[in-house]
Amino acid sequence: MITSRLTSKSQTTIPQSVRLALGLQPGDAVAYVIEQGRVVLTRATTEPEQDDPFASFGEWNSREDAEAYAGL
């Protein structure tokens, strides 16, 4: 079992062995899933979350849109 401690600010360091196993690098996002009293830590995907109300606005984030609306 791999363990770590919480700081006074409720922060923790992901142990090196876990970072290596998940291929985590500085700046990567992680996801937490709570299942039956346990937490599963995974590397987060880069896909927008389905619960994100702004995820659909990504379709308007193209070079063409930037050029079209540059003068506004």
PDB file of N, CA and C in Angstrom:
ATOM      1  N   MET A   1       0.849  -1.174   0.000  1.00  0.00           N
ATOM      2  CA  MET A   1       0.000   0.000   0.000  1.00  0.00           C
ATOM      3  C   MET A   1       0.892   1.233   0.000  1.00  0.00           C
ATOM      4  N   ILE A   2       0.530   2.212  -0.797  1.00  0.00           N
ATOM      5  CA  ILE A   2       1.253   3.483  -0.894  1.00  0.00           C
ATOM      6  C   ILE A   2       0.442   4.523  -0.139  1.00  0.00           C
ATOM      7  N   THR A   3       1.089   5.294   0.717  1.00  0.00           N
ATOM      8  CA  THR A   3       0.377   6.301   1.496  1.00  0.00           C
ATOM      9  C   THR A   3       1.050   7.659   1.359  1.00  0.00           C
ATOM     10  N   SER A   4       0.291   8.697   1.712  1.00  0.00           N
ATOM     11  CA  SER A   4       0.825  10.051   1.824  1.00  0.00           C
ATOM     12  C   SER A   4       0.007  10.759   2.896  1.00  0.00           C
ATOM     13  N   ARG A   5       0.483  11.905   3.351  1.00  0.00           N
ATOM     14  CA  ARG A   5      -0.199  12.645   4.421  1.00  0.00           C
ATOM     15  C   ARG A   5      -0.783  13.947   3.879  1.00  0.00           C
ATOM     16  N   LEU A   6      -1.827  14.406   4.563  1.00  0.00           N
ATOM     17  CA  LEU A   6      -2.421  15.699   4.246  1.00  0.00           C
ATOM     18  C   LEU A   6      -1.690  16.792   5.007  1.00  0.00           C
ATOM     19  N   THR A   7      -1.519  17.936   4.357  1.00  0.00           N
ATOM     20  CA  THR A   7      -0.957  19.098   5.036  1.00  0.00           C
ATOM     21  C   THR A   7      -2.072  19.810   5.794  1.00  0.00           C
ATOM     22  N   SER A   8      -1.740  20.858   6.504  1.00  0.00           N
ATOM     23  CA  SER A   8      -2.743  21.638   7.232  1.00  0.00           C
ATOM     24  C   SER A   8      -3.737  22.303   6.281  1.00  0.00           C
ATOM     25  N   LYS A   9      -3.376  22.411   5.002  1.00  0.00           N
ATOM     26  CA  LYS A   9      -4.273  22.982   3.988  1.00  0.00           C
ATOM     27  C   LYS A   9      -4.998  21.888   3.201  1.00  0.00           C
ATOM     28  N   SER A  10      -4.986  20.662   3.714  1.00  0.00           N
ATOM     29  CA  SER A  10      -5.627  19.501   3.079  1.00  0.00           C
ATOM     30  C   SER A  10      -5.038  19.163   1.719  1.00  0.00           C
ATOM     31  N   GLN A  11      -3.762  19.446   1.534  1.00  0.00           N
ATOM     32  CA  GLN A  11      -3.064  19.103   0.297  1.00  0.00           C
ATOM     33  C   GLN A  11      -2.207  17.872   0.526  1.00  0.00           C
ATOM     34  N   THR A  12      -1.914  17.160  -0.552  1.00  0.00           N
ATOM     35  CA  THR A  12      -1.030  16.012  -0.464  1.00  0.00           C
ATOM     36  C   THR A  12      -0.188  15.946  -1.731  1.00  0.00           C
ATOM     37  N   THR A  13       0.911  15.240  -1.656  1.00  0.00           N
ATOM     38  CA  THR A  13       1.752  15.003  -2.816  1.00  0.00           C
ATOM     39  C   THR A  13       1.432  13.616  -3.341  1.00  0.00           C
ATOM     40  N   ILE A  14       1.221  13.507  -4.642  1.00  0.00           N
ATOM     41  CA  ILE A  14       1.014  12.194  -5.231  1.00  0.00           C
ATOM     42  C   ILE A  14       2.373  11.507  -5.245  1.00  0.00           C
ATOM     43  N   PRO A  15       2.474  10.361  -4.604  1.00  0.00           N
ATOM     44  CA  PRO A  15       3.775   9.689  -4.522  1.00  0.00           C
ATOM     45  C   PRO A  15       4.368   9.395  -5.906  1.00  0.00           C
ATOM     46  N   GLN A  16       5.689   9.394  -5.966  1.00  0.00           N
ATOM     47  CA  GLN A  16       6.387   9.208  -7.234  1.00  0.00           C
ATOM     48  C   GLN A  16       5.983   7.908  -7.921  1.00  0.00           C
ATOM     49  N   SER A  17       5.829   6.848  -7.184  1.00  0.00           N
ATOM     50  CA  SER A  17       5.463   5.569  -7.810  1.00  0.00           C
ATOM     51  C   SER A  17       4.099   5.636  -8.482  1.00  0.00           C
ATOM     52  N   VAL A  18       3.168   6.408  -7.913  1.00  0.00           N
ATOM     53  CA  VAL A  18       1.843   6.583  -8.515  1.00  0.00           C
ATOM     54  C   VAL A  18       1.958   7.465  -9.755  1.00  0.00           C
ATOM     55  N   ARG A  19       2.735   8.552  -9.663  1.00  0.00           N
ATOM     56  CA  ARG A  19       2.932   9.435 -10.823  1.00  0.00           C
ATOM     57  C   ARG A  19       3.541   8.659 -11.980  1.00  0.00           C
ATOM     58  N   LEU A  20       4.519   7.823 -11.688  1.00  0.00           N
ATOM     59  CA  LEU A  20       5.151   7.023 -12.744  1.00  0.00           C
ATOM     60  C   LEU A  20       4.169   6.027 -13.346  1.00  0.00           C
ATOM     61  N   ALA A  21       3.391   5.363 -12.502  1.00  0.00           N
ATOM     62  CA  ALA A  21       2.430   4.366 -12.986  1.00  0.00           C
ATOM     63  C   ALA A  21       1.372   4.985 -13.893  1.00  0.00           C
ATOM     64  N   LEU A  22       0.971   6.224 -13.591  1.00  0.00           N
ATOM     65  CA  LEU A  22      -0.052   6.902 -14.395  1.00  0.00           C
ATOM     66  C   LEU A  22       0.547   7.771 -15.493  1.00  0.00           C
ATOM     67  N   GLY A  23       1.860   7.905 -15.505  1.00  0.00           N
ATOM     68  CA  GLY A  23       2.510   8.751 -16.505  1.00  0.00           C
ATOM     69  C   GLY A  23       2.207  10.220 -16.305  1.00  0.00           C
ATOM     70  N   LEU A  24       2.058  10.642 -15.057  1.00  0.00           N
ATOM     71  CA  LEU A  24       1.712  12.031 -14.758  1.00  0.00           C
ATOM     72  C   LEU A  24       2.931  12.931 -14.826  1.00  0.00           C
ATOM     73  N   GLN A  25       2.722  14.107 -15.382  1.00  0.00           N
ATOM     74  CA  GLN A  25       3.747  15.147 -15.474  1.00  0.00           C
ATOM     75  C   GLN A  25       3.203  16.411 -14.825  1.00  0.00           C
ATOM     76  N   PRO A  26       4.075  17.347 -14.426  1.00  0.00           N
ATOM     77  CA  PRO A  26       3.582  18.610 -13.872  1.00  0.00           C
ATOM     78  C   PRO A  26       2.590  19.276 -14.832  1.00  0.00           C
ATOM     79  N   GLY A  27       1.475  19.721 -14.283  1.00  0.00           N
ATOM     80  CA  GLY A  27       0.438  20.372 -15.080  1.00  0.00           C
ATOM     81  C   GLY A  27      -0.664  19.432 -15.537  1.00  0.00           C
ATOM     82  N   ASP A  28      -0.449  18.110 -15.429  1.00  0.00           N
ATOM     83  CA  ASP A  28      -1.491  17.158 -15.811  1.00  0.00           C
ATOM     84  C   ASP A  28      -2.645  17.232 -14.818  1.00  0.00           C
ATOM     85  N   ALA A  29      -3.823  16.916 -15.282  1.00  0.00           N
ATOM     86  CA  ALA A  29      -5.001  16.874 -14.419  1.00  0.00           C
ATOM     87  C   ALA A  29      -5.257  15.439 -13.985  1.00  0.00           C
ATOM     88  N   VAL A  30      -5.780  15.304 -12.781  1.00  0.00           N
ATOM     89  CA  VAL A  30      -6.166  13.992 -12.286  1.00  0.00           C
ATOM     90  C   VAL A  30      -7.661  14.011 -11.977  1.00  0.00           C
ATOM     91  N   ALA A  31      -8.270  12.843 -12.025  1.00  0.00           N
ATOM     92  CA  ALA A  31      -9.697  12.720 -11.736  1.00  0.00           C
ATOM     93  C   ALA A  31      -9.882  11.797 -10.542  1.00  0.00           C
ATOM     94  N   TYR A  32     -10.865  12.107  -9.724  1.00  0.00           N
ATOM     95  CA  TYR A  32     -11.183  11.306  -8.556  1.00  0.00           C
ATOM     96  C   TYR A  32     -12.589  10.754  -8.717  1.00  0.00           C
ATOM     97  N   VAL A  33     -12.758   9.457  -8.480  1.00  0.00           N
ATOM     98  CA  VAL A  33     -14.070   8.826  -8.496  1.00  0.00           C
ATOM     99  C   VAL A  33     -14.258   8.156  -7.143  1.00  0.00           C
ATOM    100  N   ILE A  34     -15.358   8.482  -6.474  1.00  0.00           N
ATOM    101  CA  ILE A  34     -15.644   7.883  -5.176  1.00  0.00           C
ATOM    102  C   ILE A  34     -16.565   6.695  -5.409  1.00  0.00           C
ATOM    103  N   GLU A  35     -16.105   5.513  -4.976  1.00  0.00           N
ATOM    104  CA  GLU A  35     -16.848   4.275  -5.163  1.00  0.00           C
ATOM    105  C   GLU A  35     -16.853   3.482  -3.864  1.00  0.00           C
ATOM    106  N   GLN A  36     -18.002   3.352  -3.258  1.00  0.00           N
ATOM    107  CA  GLN A  36     -18.177   2.517  -2.071  1.00  0.00           C
ATOM    108  C   GLN A  36     -17.125   2.786  -0.997  1.00  0.00           C
ATOM    109  N   GLY A  37     -16.961   4.047  -0.654  1.00  0.00           N
ATOM    110  CA  GLY A  37     -16.041   4.409   0.410  1.00  0.00           C
ATOM    111  C   GLY A  37     -14.578   4.441   0.027  1.00  0.00           C
ATOM    112  N   ARG A  38     -14.285   4.286  -1.248  1.00  0.00           N
ATOM    113  CA  ARG A  38     -12.910   4.353  -1.741  1.00  0.00           C
ATOM    114  C   ARG A  38     -12.830   5.420  -2.816  1.00  0.00           C
ATOM    115  N   VAL A  39     -11.625   5.919  -3.026  1.00  0.00           N
ATOM    116  CA  VAL A  39     -11.400   6.909  -4.074  1.00  0.00           C
ATOM    117  C   VAL A  39     -10.464   6.301  -5.108  1.00  0.00           C
ATOM    118  N   VAL A  40     -10.847   6.392  -6.360  1.00  0.00           N
ATOM    119  CA  VAL A  40     -10.014   5.916  -7.457  1.00  0.00           C
ATOM    120  C   VAL A  40      -9.426   7.139  -8.140  1.00  0.00           C
ATOM    121  N   LEU A  41      -8.104   7.213  -8.180  1.00  0.00           N
ATOM    122  CA  LEU A  41      -7.394   8.325  -8.799  1.00  0.00           C
ATOM    123  C   LEU A  41      -6.939   7.891 -10.186  1.00  0.00           C
ATOM    124  N   THR A  42      -7.283   8.667 -11.205  1.00  0.00           N
ATOM    125  CA  THR A  42      -6.866   8.362 -12.567  1.00  0.00           C
ATOM    126  C   THR A  42      -6.338   9.619 -13.231  1.00  0.00           C
ATOM    127  N   ARG A  43      -5.621   9.416 -14.300  1.00  0.00           N
ATOM    128  CA  ARG A  43      -5.196  10.553 -15.117  1.00  0.00           C
ATOM    129  C   ARG A  43      -6.441  11.061 -15.834  1.00  0.00           C
ATOM    130  N   ALA A  44      -6.711  12.350 -15.759  1.00  0.00           N
ATOM    131  CA  ALA A  44      -7.906  12.917 -16.376  1.00  0.00           C
ATOM    132  C   ALA A  44      -7.722  12.982 -17.889  1.00  0.00           C
ATOM    133  N   THR A  45      -8.809  12.758 -18.590  1.00  0.00           N
ATOM    134  CA  THR A  45      -8.773  12.880 -20.038  1.00  0.00           C
ATOM    135  C   THR A  45      -8.855  14.342 -20.419  1.00  0.00           C
ATOM    136  N   THR A  46      -8.507  14.654 -21.640  1.00  0.00           N
ATOM    137  CA  THR A  46      -8.563  16.042 -22.102  1.00  0.00           C
ATOM    138  C   THR A  46      -9.920  16.373 -22.704  1.00  0.00           C
ATOM    139  N   GLU A  47     -10.835  15.404 -22.715  1.00  0.00           N
ATOM    140  CA  GLU A  47     -12.172  15.667 -23.239  1.00  0.00           C
ATOM    141  C   GLU A  47     -12.959  16.469 -22.217  1.00  0.00           C
ATOM    142  N   PRO A  48     -13.799  17.407 -22.692  1.00  0.00           N
ATOM    143  CA  PRO A  48     -14.602  18.181 -21.745  1.00  0.00           C
ATOM    144  C   PRO A  48     -15.568  17.265 -20.996  1.00  0.00           C
ATOM    145  N   GLU A  49     -15.786  17.574 -19.749  1.00  0.00           N
ATOM    146  CA  GLU A  49     -16.703  16.774 -18.953  1.00  0.00           C
ATOM    147  C   GLU A  49     -18.127  16.969 -19.434  1.00  0.00           C
ATOM    148  N   GLN A  50     -18.920  15.919 -19.340  1.00  0.00           N
ATOM    149  CA  GLN A  50     -20.307  16.003 -19.757  1.00  0.00           C
ATOM    150  C   GLN A  50     -21.101  16.936 -18.866  1.00  0.00           C
ATOM    151  N   ASP A  51     -20.655  17.124 -17.625  1.00  0.00           N
ATOM    152  CA  ASP A  51     -21.359  18.006 -16.697  1.00  0.00           C
ATOM    153  C   ASP A  51     -20.989  19.468 -16.901  1.00  0.00           C
ATOM    154  N   ASP A  52     -20.025  19.756 -17.737  1.00  0.00           N
ATOM    155  CA  ASP A  52     -19.563  21.122 -17.946  1.00  0.00           C
ATOM    156  C   ASP A  52     -20.564  21.872 -18.815  1.00  0.00           C
ATOM    157  N   PRO A  53     -21.253  22.874 -18.282  1.00  0.00           N
ATOM    158  CA  PRO A  53     -22.256  23.581 -19.082  1.00  0.00           C
ATOM    159  C   PRO A  53     -21.651  24.401 -20.220  1.00  0.00           C
ATOM    160  N   PHE A  54     -20.353  24.653 -20.190  1.00  0.00           N
ATOM    161  CA  PHE A  54     -19.711  25.441 -21.228  1.00  0.00           C
ATOM    162  C   PHE A  54     -18.991  24.585 -22.261  1.00  0.00           C
ATOM    163  N   ALA A  55     -19.034  23.279 -22.123  1.00  0.00           N
ATOM    164  CA  ALA A  55     -18.311  22.387 -23.028  1.00  0.00           C
ATOM    165  C   ALA A  55     -18.762  22.552 -24.480  1.00  0.00           C
ATOM    166  N   SER A  56     -20.037  22.836 -24.698  1.00  0.00           N
ATOM    167  CA  SER A  56     -20.534  22.960 -26.069  1.00  0.00           C
ATOM    168  C   SER A  56     -20.011  24.210 -26.767  1.00  0.00           C
ATOM    169  N   PHE A  57     -19.520  25.191 -26.022  1.00  0.00           N
ATOM    170  CA  PHE A  57     -19.000  26.400 -26.643  1.00  0.00           C
ATOM    171  C   PHE A  57     -17.656  26.174 -27.321  1.00  0.00           C
ATOM    172  N   GLY A  58     -17.045  25.027 -27.108  1.00  0.00           N
ATOM    173  CA  GLY A  58     -15.767  24.715 -27.740  1.00  0.00           C
ATOM    174  C   GLY A  58     -15.854  24.682 -29.256  1.00  0.00           C
ATOM    175  N   GLU A  59     -17.044  24.447 -29.779  1.00  0.00           N
ATOM    176  CA  GLU A  59     -17.195  24.396 -31.225  1.00  0.00           C
ATOM    177  C   GLU A  59     -16.975  25.756 -31.874  1.00  0.00           C
ATOM    178  N   TRP A  60     -17.008  26.816 -31.077  1.00  0.00           N
ATOM    179  CA  TRP A  60     -16.799  28.159 -31.613  1.00  0.00           C
ATOM    180  C   TRP A  60     -15.388  28.649 -31.355  1.00  0.00           C
ATOM    181  N   ASN A  61     -14.487  27.762 -31.120  1.00  0.00           N
ATOM    182  CA  ASN A  61     -13.127  28.143 -30.783  1.00  0.00           C
ATOM    183  C   ASN A  61     -12.174  27.682 -31.887  1.00  0.00           C
ATOM    184  N   SER A  62     -12.345  28.258 -33.069  1.00  0.00           N
ATOM    185  CA  SER A  62     -11.482  27.883 -34.185  1.00  0.00           C
ATOM    186  C   SER A  62     -10.767  29.124 -34.720  1.00  0.00           C
ATOM    187  N   ARG A  63      -9.785  28.906 -35.561  1.00  0.00           N
ATOM    188  CA  ARG A  63      -9.052  30.016 -36.170  1.00  0.00           C
ATOM    189  C   ARG A  63     -10.010  30.878 -36.997  1.00  0.00           C
ATOM    190  N   GLU A  64     -10.934  30.232 -37.715  1.00  0.00           N
ATOM    191  CA  GLU A  64     -11.885  30.972 -38.533  1.00  0.00           C
ATOM    192  C   GLU A  64     -12.763  31.870 -37.684  1.00  0.00           C
ATOM    193  N   ASP A  65     -13.204  31.377 -36.544  1.00  0.00           N
ATOM    194  CA  ASP A  65     -14.034  32.185 -35.662  1.00  0.00           C
ATOM    195  C   ASP A  65     -13.236  33.376 -35.113  1.00  0.00           C
ATOM    196  N   ALA A  66     -12.000  33.115 -34.722  1.00  0.00           N
ATOM    197  CA  ALA A  66     -11.159  34.200 -34.203  1.00  0.00           C
ATOM    198  C   ALA A  66     -11.002  35.297 -35.244  1.00  0.00           C
ATOM    199  N   GLU A  67     -10.801  34.910 -36.501  1.00  0.00           N
ATOM    200  CA  GLU A  67     -10.653  35.898 -37.585  1.00  0.00           C
ATOM    201  C   GLU A  67     -11.967  36.625 -37.828  1.00  0.00           C
ATOM    202  N   ALA A  68     -13.070  35.903 -37.807  1.00  0.00           N
ATOM    203  CA  ALA A  68     -14.370  36.499 -38.090  1.00  0.00           C
ATOM    204  C   ALA A  68     -14.782  37.508 -37.032  1.00  0.00           C
ATOM    205  N   TYR A  69     -14.435  37.254 -35.785  1.00  0.00           N
ATOM    206  CA  TYR A  69     -14.860  38.121 -34.696  1.00  0.00           C
ATOM    207  C   TYR A  69     -13.749  39.021 -34.177  1.00  0.00           C
ATOM    208  N   ALA A  70     -12.630  39.085 -34.863  1.00  0.00           N
ATOM    209  CA  ALA A  70     -11.482  39.855 -34.387  1.00  0.00           C
ATOM    210  C   ALA A  70     -11.791  41.342 -34.264  1.00  0.00           C
ATOM    211  N   GLY A  71     -12.620  41.874 -35.104  1.00  0.00           N
ATOM    212  CA  GLY A  71     -12.900  43.305 -35.092  1.00  0.00           C
ATOM    213  C   GLY A  71     -13.979  43.729 -34.121  1.00  0.00           C
ATOM    214  N   LEU A  72     -14.566  42.819 -33.416  1.00  0.00           N
ATOM    215  CA  LEU A  72     -15.673  43.173 -32.508  1.00  0.00           C
ATOM    216  C   LEU A  72     -15.193  43.657 -31.175  1.00  0.00           C
TER     217      LEU A  72
END
